[in-house]
Amino acid sequence: MDGPREMETSLEVDEIDEVVGQVENLYFDDLSLDLEPDEESGSEVISKSLVGRFMTHKQVFNSLLRDVLCRIWNPAPGWKMQELAKHTFLFSFTTRKEVDYILENRPWSPCNGFLMITEMPNDGL
């Protein structure tokens, strides 16, 4: 009589054989996806995003810059700051109202530096 370990091994082999049977005749074209751009969703994300360049002569850690911006902008939870290149950031917000506030109250000078900030271009970066 088969023990629990032998039955488990038998199931694993059967599962592996099943997966191998499913993928052995696949071609690269079978693995590609046909995606259609959702321009409406894309433009909504872009409208709630800003691009900024932080100018400073001192070293400022991104976490400190984020904390300072969070205090002065007071954005809703869920906002994001992503470094795209050295001292260049993408800021994503949950509402357009936050973006408008930041743009209307420029210039910003956090951490003894200067943050040049603008709307994200309609075609993305």
N, C-alpha and C. Protein backbone atom coordinates (compact mmCIF):
# COMPACT_ATOMS: atom_id res chain seq x y z
N MET A 1 0.84 -1.17 0.00
CA MET A 1 0.00 0.00 0.00
C MET A 1 0.89 1.24 0.00
N ASP A 2 0.48 2.23 -0.80
CA ASP A 2 1.26 3.45 -0.89
C ASP A 2 1.08 4.29 0.36
N GLY A 3 2.19 4.86 0.84
CA GLY A 3 2.13 5.75 1.99
C GLY A 3 1.82 7.18 1.55
N PRO A 4 1.60 8.09 2.50
CA PRO A 4 1.27 9.48 2.16
C PRO A 4 2.36 10.15 1.33
N ARG A 5 3.61 9.87 1.63
CA ARG A 5 4.71 10.50 0.89
C ARG A 5 4.73 10.02 -0.56
N GLU A 6 4.50 8.71 -0.77
CA GLU A 6 4.50 8.16 -2.13
C GLU A 6 3.34 8.72 -2.94
N MET A 7 2.17 8.90 -2.30
CA MET A 7 1.01 9.47 -3.00
C MET A 7 1.28 10.92 -3.38
N GLU A 8 1.92 11.66 -2.45
CA GLU A 8 2.25 13.06 -2.71
C GLU A 8 3.20 13.18 -3.89
N THR A 9 4.22 12.32 -3.93
CA THR A 9 5.18 12.32 -5.03
C THR A 9 4.49 11.97 -6.34
N SER A 10 3.59 11.02 -6.30
CA SER A 10 2.85 10.62 -7.49
C SER A 10 2.01 11.78 -8.02
N LEU A 11 1.38 12.53 -7.10
CA LEU A 11 0.59 13.70 -7.51
C LEU A 11 1.47 14.77 -8.13
N GLU A 12 2.65 15.00 -7.53
CA GLU A 12 3.56 16.01 -8.05
C GLU A 12 4.00 15.64 -9.47
N VAL A 13 4.33 14.37 -9.71
CA VAL A 13 4.75 13.92 -11.03
C VAL A 13 3.61 14.10 -12.02
N ASP A 14 2.39 13.75 -11.62
CA ASP A 14 1.23 13.92 -12.51
C ASP A 14 1.01 15.39 -12.85
N GLU A 15 1.16 16.27 -11.85
CA GLU A 15 0.99 17.70 -12.09
C GLU A 15 2.07 18.22 -13.03
N ILE A 16 3.29 17.78 -12.84
CA ILE A 16 4.39 18.20 -13.71
C ILE A 16 4.13 17.72 -15.13
N ASP A 17 3.71 16.47 -15.29
CA ASP A 17 3.41 15.94 -16.62
C ASP A 17 2.31 16.75 -17.29
N GLU A 18 1.31 17.16 -16.52
CA GLU A 18 0.21 17.94 -17.07
C GLU A 18 0.71 19.31 -17.56
N VAL A 19 1.54 19.96 -16.76
CA VAL A 19 2.08 21.27 -17.15
C VAL A 19 2.97 21.12 -18.38
N VAL A 20 3.82 20.12 -18.40
CA VAL A 20 4.68 19.88 -19.56
C VAL A 20 3.84 19.66 -20.80
N GLY A 21 2.77 18.89 -20.68
CA GLY A 21 1.88 18.65 -21.82
C GLY A 21 1.24 19.93 -22.33
N GLN A 22 0.97 20.88 -21.43
CA GLN A 22 0.34 22.14 -21.83
C GLN A 22 1.31 23.08 -22.54
N VAL A 23 2.58 23.03 -22.17
CA VAL A 23 3.53 24.01 -22.72
C VAL A 23 4.47 23.47 -23.79
N GLU A 24 4.54 22.16 -23.98
CA GLU A 24 5.54 21.63 -24.91
C GLU A 24 5.27 22.01 -26.36
N ASN A 25 4.06 22.33 -26.72
CA ASN A 25 3.75 22.69 -28.11
C ASN A 25 3.44 24.18 -28.26
N LEU A 26 3.84 24.99 -27.29
CA LEU A 26 3.60 26.43 -27.38
C LEU A 26 4.67 27.09 -28.24
N TYR A 27 4.27 28.13 -28.92
CA TYR A 27 5.19 28.96 -29.68
C TYR A 27 5.22 30.33 -29.04
N PHE A 28 6.23 31.11 -29.38
CA PHE A 28 6.37 32.44 -28.80
C PHE A 28 5.11 33.28 -29.04
N ASP A 29 4.51 33.17 -30.22
CA ASP A 29 3.29 33.93 -30.51
C ASP A 29 2.16 33.57 -29.57
N ASP A 30 2.16 32.34 -29.07
CA ASP A 30 1.12 31.94 -28.12
C ASP A 30 1.25 32.66 -26.79
N LEU A 31 2.44 33.17 -26.50
CA LEU A 31 2.70 33.83 -25.22
C LEU A 31 2.55 35.34 -25.30
N SER A 32 2.29 35.89 -26.47
CA SER A 32 2.18 37.34 -26.59
C SER A 32 0.76 37.79 -26.24
N LEU A 33 0.65 39.05 -25.87
CA LEU A 33 -0.64 39.64 -25.51
C LEU A 33 -0.98 40.74 -26.49
N ASP A 34 -2.22 40.81 -26.86
CA ASP A 34 -2.70 41.93 -27.67
C ASP A 34 -3.37 42.91 -26.72
N LEU A 35 -2.70 44.02 -26.47
CA LEU A 35 -3.23 45.02 -25.56
C LEU A 35 -3.63 46.26 -26.33
N GLU A 36 -4.75 46.79 -25.98
CA GLU A 36 -5.22 48.04 -26.57
C GLU A 36 -5.01 49.15 -25.55
N PRO A 37 -4.43 50.27 -25.97
CA PRO A 37 -4.24 51.36 -25.01
C PRO A 37 -5.59 51.92 -24.57
N ASP A 38 -5.68 52.23 -23.30
CA ASP A 38 -6.87 52.86 -22.75
C ASP A 38 -6.55 54.33 -22.56
N GLU A 39 -6.79 55.11 -23.60
CA GLU A 39 -6.39 56.51 -23.58
C GLU A 39 -7.11 57.30 -22.50
N GLU A 40 -8.35 56.94 -22.20
CA GLU A 40 -9.09 57.65 -21.17
C GLU A 40 -8.44 57.47 -19.80
N SER A 41 -8.10 56.23 -19.46
CA SER A 41 -7.43 55.97 -18.18
C SER A 41 -6.05 56.60 -18.16
N GLY A 42 -5.35 56.53 -19.28
CA GLY A 42 -4.02 57.12 -19.36
C GLY A 42 -4.05 58.61 -19.15
N SER A 43 -5.00 59.29 -19.78
CA SER A 43 -5.06 60.74 -19.62
C SER A 43 -5.47 61.12 -18.20
N GLU A 44 -6.26 60.28 -17.55
CA GLU A 44 -6.64 60.55 -16.15
C GLU A 44 -5.42 60.46 -15.24
N VAL A 45 -4.59 59.44 -15.45
CA VAL A 45 -3.37 59.28 -14.65
C VAL A 45 -2.43 60.45 -14.91
N ILE A 46 -2.27 60.82 -16.17
CA ILE A 46 -1.39 61.93 -16.53
C ILE A 46 -1.87 63.23 -15.90
N SER A 47 -3.18 63.45 -15.87
CA SER A 47 -3.70 64.71 -15.32
C SER A 47 -3.46 64.82 -13.81
N LYS A 48 -3.19 63.70 -13.15
CA LYS A 48 -2.93 63.72 -11.71
C LYS A 48 -1.45 63.49 -11.41
N SER A 49 -0.58 63.82 -12.38
CA SER A 49 0.85 63.60 -12.22
C SER A 49 1.63 64.86 -12.53
N LEU A 50 2.74 65.01 -11.85
CA LEU A 50 3.65 66.13 -12.07
C LEU A 50 5.06 65.59 -12.24
N VAL A 51 5.89 66.35 -12.94
CA VAL A 51 7.29 66.02 -13.09
C VAL A 51 8.09 67.15 -12.48
N GLY A 52 9.10 66.81 -11.69
CA GLY A 52 9.88 67.84 -11.03
C GLY A 52 11.36 67.56 -11.06
N ARG A 53 12.12 68.65 -11.02
CA ARG A 53 13.59 68.56 -10.95
C ARG A 53 14.01 69.31 -9.70
N PHE A 54 14.75 68.64 -8.82
CA PHE A 54 15.19 69.23 -7.56
C PHE A 54 16.61 69.74 -7.72
N MET A 55 16.79 71.03 -7.52
CA MET A 55 18.10 71.67 -7.67
C MET A 55 18.66 71.99 -6.28
N THR A 56 19.84 71.47 -6.00
CA THR A 56 20.49 71.75 -4.72
C THR A 56 21.99 71.47 -4.85
N HIS A 57 22.75 72.12 -3.98
CA HIS A 57 24.20 71.86 -3.93
C HIS A 57 24.52 70.86 -2.83
N LYS A 58 23.54 70.55 -2.00
CA LYS A 58 23.75 69.63 -0.89
C LYS A 58 23.15 68.27 -1.20
N GLN A 59 23.66 67.26 -0.53
CA GLN A 59 23.07 65.93 -0.67
C GLN A 59 21.80 65.88 0.17
N VAL A 60 20.71 65.51 -0.48
CA VAL A 60 19.43 65.35 0.21
C VAL A 60 18.90 63.97 -0.14
N PHE A 61 18.63 63.19 0.86
CA PHE A 61 18.09 61.86 0.63
C PHE A 61 16.64 61.96 0.18
N ASN A 62 16.25 61.08 -0.72
CA ASN A 62 14.88 61.10 -1.25
C ASN A 62 13.84 60.98 -0.15
N SER A 63 14.14 60.19 0.87
CA SER A 63 13.17 60.01 1.96
C SER A 63 12.95 61.33 2.71
N LEU A 64 14.00 62.11 2.90
CA LEU A 64 13.85 63.42 3.55
C LEU A 64 13.05 64.36 2.67
N LEU A 65 13.37 64.40 1.39
CA LEU A 65 12.63 65.26 0.46
C LEU A 65 11.16 64.87 0.45
N ARG A 66 10.87 63.60 0.42
CA ARG A 66 9.48 63.14 0.44
C ARG A 66 8.77 63.59 1.72
N ASP A 67 9.44 63.43 2.86
CA ASP A 67 8.83 63.84 4.14
C ASP A 67 8.54 65.33 4.16
N VAL A 68 9.47 66.13 3.68
CA VAL A 68 9.28 67.59 3.67
C VAL A 68 8.14 67.96 2.73
N LEU A 69 8.13 67.38 1.53
CA LEU A 69 7.05 67.67 0.58
C LEU A 69 5.70 67.24 1.14
N CYS A 70 5.67 66.14 1.85
CA CYS A 70 4.43 65.66 2.45
C CYS A 70 3.91 66.68 3.46
N ARG A 71 4.82 67.28 4.22
CA ARG A 71 4.40 68.28 5.21
C ARG A 71 3.92 69.57 4.56
N ILE A 72 4.58 70.01 3.49
CA ILE A 72 4.18 71.30 2.91
C ILE A 72 3.03 71.18 1.91
N TRP A 73 2.92 70.05 1.23
CA TRP A 73 1.82 69.86 0.26
C TRP A 73 0.58 69.27 0.93
N ASN A 74 0.78 68.49 1.97
CA ASN A 74 -0.32 67.81 2.67
C ASN A 74 -1.21 67.02 1.70
N PRO A 75 -0.61 66.14 0.89
CA PRO A 75 -1.41 65.38 -0.08
C PRO A 75 -2.20 64.27 0.61
N ALA A 76 -3.22 63.80 -0.08
CA ALA A 76 -4.02 62.68 0.42
C ALA A 76 -3.16 61.42 0.45
N PRO A 77 -3.46 60.49 1.34
CA PRO A 77 -2.72 59.23 1.35
C PRO A 77 -2.78 58.56 -0.02
N GLY A 78 -1.67 57.95 -0.39
CA GLY A 78 -1.61 57.26 -1.67
C GLY A 78 -0.78 57.98 -2.71
N TRP A 79 -0.28 59.19 -2.39
CA TRP A 79 0.55 59.89 -3.35
C TRP A 79 1.90 59.19 -3.46
N LYS A 80 2.54 59.34 -4.61
CA LYS A 80 3.81 58.64 -4.85
C LYS A 80 4.84 59.61 -5.39
N MET A 81 6.09 59.33 -5.04
CA MET A 81 7.23 60.08 -5.56
C MET A 81 8.21 59.05 -6.08
N GLN A 82 8.49 59.10 -7.38
CA GLN A 82 9.38 58.12 -8.01
C GLN A 82 10.52 58.86 -8.68
N GLU A 83 11.76 58.47 -8.37
CA GLU A 83 12.92 59.09 -9.01
C GLU A 83 13.10 58.49 -10.39
N LEU A 84 13.05 59.34 -11.42
CA LEU A 84 13.21 58.89 -12.80
C LEU A 84 14.67 58.93 -13.22
N ALA A 85 15.37 59.94 -12.76
CA ALA A 85 16.80 60.12 -13.01
C ALA A 85 17.31 60.92 -11.81
N LYS A 86 18.60 61.13 -11.75
CA LYS A 86 19.15 61.86 -10.60
C LYS A 86 18.47 63.22 -10.49
N HIS A 87 17.84 63.45 -9.36
CA HIS A 87 17.15 64.72 -9.03
C HIS A 87 15.92 65.00 -9.89
N THR A 88 15.44 64.03 -10.64
CA THR A 88 14.23 64.20 -11.46
C THR A 88 13.19 63.20 -10.97
N PHE A 89 11.99 63.71 -10.70
CA PHE A 89 10.97 62.89 -10.04
C PHE A 89 9.64 62.95 -10.76
N LEU A 90 8.90 61.86 -10.62
CA LEU A 90 7.51 61.80 -11.05
C LEU A 90 6.68 61.77 -9.78
N PHE A 91 5.74 62.70 -9.67
CA PHE A 91 4.84 62.76 -8.53
C PHE A 91 3.45 62.37 -9.00
N SER A 92 2.83 61.41 -8.34
CA SER A 92 1.49 60.95 -8.70
C SER A 92 0.57 61.18 -7.51
N PHE A 93 -0.59 61.76 -7.79
CA PHE A 93 -1.54 62.11 -6.73
C PHE A 93 -2.87 61.42 -6.96
N THR A 94 -3.71 61.46 -5.95
CA THR A 94 -5.01 60.79 -6.05
C THR A 94 -6.08 61.69 -6.64
N THR A 95 -5.87 63.01 -6.61
CA THR A 95 -6.87 63.93 -7.18
C THR A 95 -6.20 65.03 -7.99
N ARG A 96 -6.93 65.57 -8.92
CA ARG A 96 -6.44 66.69 -9.72
C ARG A 96 -6.33 67.95 -8.85
N LYS A 97 -7.15 68.04 -7.82
CA LYS A 97 -7.14 69.20 -6.92
C LYS A 97 -5.75 69.37 -6.28
N GLU A 98 -5.11 68.27 -5.92
CA GLU A 98 -3.77 68.33 -5.33
C GLU A 98 -2.76 68.88 -6.34
N VAL A 99 -2.86 68.42 -7.57
CA VAL A 99 -1.97 68.89 -8.63
C VAL A 99 -2.15 70.40 -8.82
N ASP A 100 -3.40 70.84 -8.90
CA ASP A 100 -3.67 72.27 -9.09
C ASP A 100 -3.10 73.10 -7.95
N TYR A 101 -3.25 72.64 -6.71
CA TYR A 101 -2.72 73.36 -5.56
C TYR A 101 -1.20 73.52 -5.68
N ILE A 102 -0.52 72.45 -6.03
CA ILE A 102 0.94 72.48 -6.13
C ILE A 102 1.38 73.42 -7.24
N LEU A 103 0.70 73.36 -8.39
CA LEU A 103 1.06 74.23 -9.51
C LEU A 103 0.77 75.69 -9.20
N GLU A 104 -0.35 75.97 -8.55
CA GLU A 104 -0.74 77.35 -8.26
C GLU A 104 0.14 78.01 -7.21
N ASN A 105 0.78 77.23 -6.37
CA ASN A 105 1.58 77.78 -5.27
C ASN A 105 3.08 77.65 -5.51
N ARG A 106 3.47 77.47 -6.76
CA ARG A 106 4.90 77.45 -7.08
C ARG A 106 5.47 78.83 -6.85
N PRO A 107 6.75 78.97 -6.63
CA PRO A 107 7.81 77.95 -6.59
C PRO A 107 7.89 77.30 -5.21
N TRP A 108 8.48 76.12 -5.19
CA TRP A 108 8.68 75.37 -3.96
C TRP A 108 10.18 75.29 -3.69
N SER A 109 10.55 75.48 -2.42
CA SER A 109 11.98 75.42 -2.08
C SER A 109 12.20 74.55 -0.83
N PRO A 110 11.98 73.26 -0.97
CA PRO A 110 12.19 72.35 0.16
C PRO A 110 13.66 72.03 0.38
N CYS A 111 14.03 71.75 1.61
CA CYS A 111 15.38 71.25 1.95
C CYS A 111 16.48 72.17 1.44
N ASN A 112 16.28 73.47 1.52
CA ASN A 112 17.28 74.45 1.06
C ASN A 112 17.66 74.26 -0.40
N GLY A 113 16.73 73.79 -1.19
CA GLY A 113 16.92 73.63 -2.62
C GLY A 113 15.77 74.28 -3.36
N PHE A 114 15.68 74.02 -4.64
CA PHE A 114 14.61 74.58 -5.45
C PHE A 114 14.01 73.45 -6.27
N LEU A 115 12.68 73.33 -6.23
CA LEU A 115 11.99 72.28 -6.97
C LEU A 115 11.24 72.90 -8.14
N MET A 116 11.76 72.68 -9.35
CA MET A 116 11.06 73.11 -10.56
C MET A 116 10.06 72.01 -10.86
N ILE A 117 8.80 72.39 -11.00
CA ILE A 117 7.76 71.39 -11.17
C ILE A 117 6.80 71.81 -12.26
N THR A 118 6.36 70.83 -13.06
CA THR A 118 5.45 71.10 -14.16
C THR A 118 4.51 69.91 -14.36
N GLU A 119 3.48 70.13 -15.16
CA GLU A 119 2.57 69.04 -15.46
C GLU A 119 3.28 68.00 -16.32
N MET A 120 2.84 66.79 -16.18
CA MET A 120 3.37 65.71 -17.01
C MET A 120 2.85 65.92 -18.43
N PRO A 121 3.71 65.78 -19.45
CA PRO A 121 3.25 65.94 -20.83
C PRO A 121 2.14 64.94 -21.17
N ASN A 122 1.23 65.34 -22.04
CA ASN A 122 0.08 64.49 -22.40
C ASN A 122 0.48 63.14 -22.98
N ASP A 123 1.65 63.07 -23.61
CA ASP A 123 2.09 61.80 -24.18
C ASP A 123 2.94 60.99 -23.21
N GLY A 124 2.93 61.37 -21.94
CA GLY A 124 3.74 60.68 -20.94
C GLY A 124 5.14 61.25 -20.94
N LEU A 125 6.09 60.46 -20.50
CA LEU A 125 7.47 60.95 -20.41
C LEU A 125 8.19 60.66 -21.67
